[in-house]
Amino acid sequence: MNHKSKISIKEPFTLVELLIVIAIIVLLCSLLLPSLRTAMETAKRISCSNKEKQIYLCWQNYASDFNGYLCPVDTAVMGATMWTPAHRPWTNIMRNYLPNVSLPSSNAIHRGTILECPSKPFVSEWHDAWYTGYGMNQYGIGGKKAVSEKPYKTIGMIRLPTQVVAFGDSLADSWVDQRLGYSWVDRVSHNEFRHLKKSNYIFGDGHVEPKDYSFINPPWGWWDKAPWGAP
């Protein structure tokens, strides 16, 4: 007696089944991609925080070598005439303290330095020192006077160091981006909330906090109060 062997033949996917598979893949991607993007941005924010801590240590080393005197936000604070070769930003003043930063007479910063935020890379191999990715609080620690407050001159004069901003994220797109402060981050918007809609700020005691827009919009009388003034 002959027995016919049964051959199993798999039928191809129907169009409906294929569309269901595609829909599932799209759904999974829509669920996973935001989490992946958030994880990547969190990693960049942590890297940015580490760079700000390095800048803070360089700033402290500068003050230590100059008997506690703080580095000014630019040489105009010390009497230099604006728009002359003598007018230089803090990134140039501290050039011997900032690692791997090349600042020739043209005030050029090389890519990959601690002055370049990982979430805001420089657009070219060389970047102007006035257009840095991090800004100094020009009123509190930077030596500029806003209204009636007396800017700090030495590191020992800083009151409420846990509340006064030292450095923070800036746009890296304008010649004033190496400075921060109430009028510069709020009215002229030289800040950028590039870390999940927040900016990193390092304070006078060396701790870093991510802050949203409300942080740079303080009430009237900010000039003699933390975080932007000199309390």
Foldseek 3Di string as FASTA:
>chain_A
DDDDDDDDDDDDDDPVRVVVVVVVVVVVCVVVVVVVVLVVLVVLQVVLLVLVLLVLVLQVVVCVVVVQFGQAQWCVLVPDDPPDLRTGGSCVVSVVSFPQFDQDSQQKGAWPGSQARPLHGDPDRIAHNLLTQKAALRAAANNDADPPDGHDGGLVLADPQVFEFGMKTFRSPDSNLNHDALCCCPVVNRHDCRRVQWIWTATSVSDIDTHHPVQSHDDPPCQCDPHRHGD
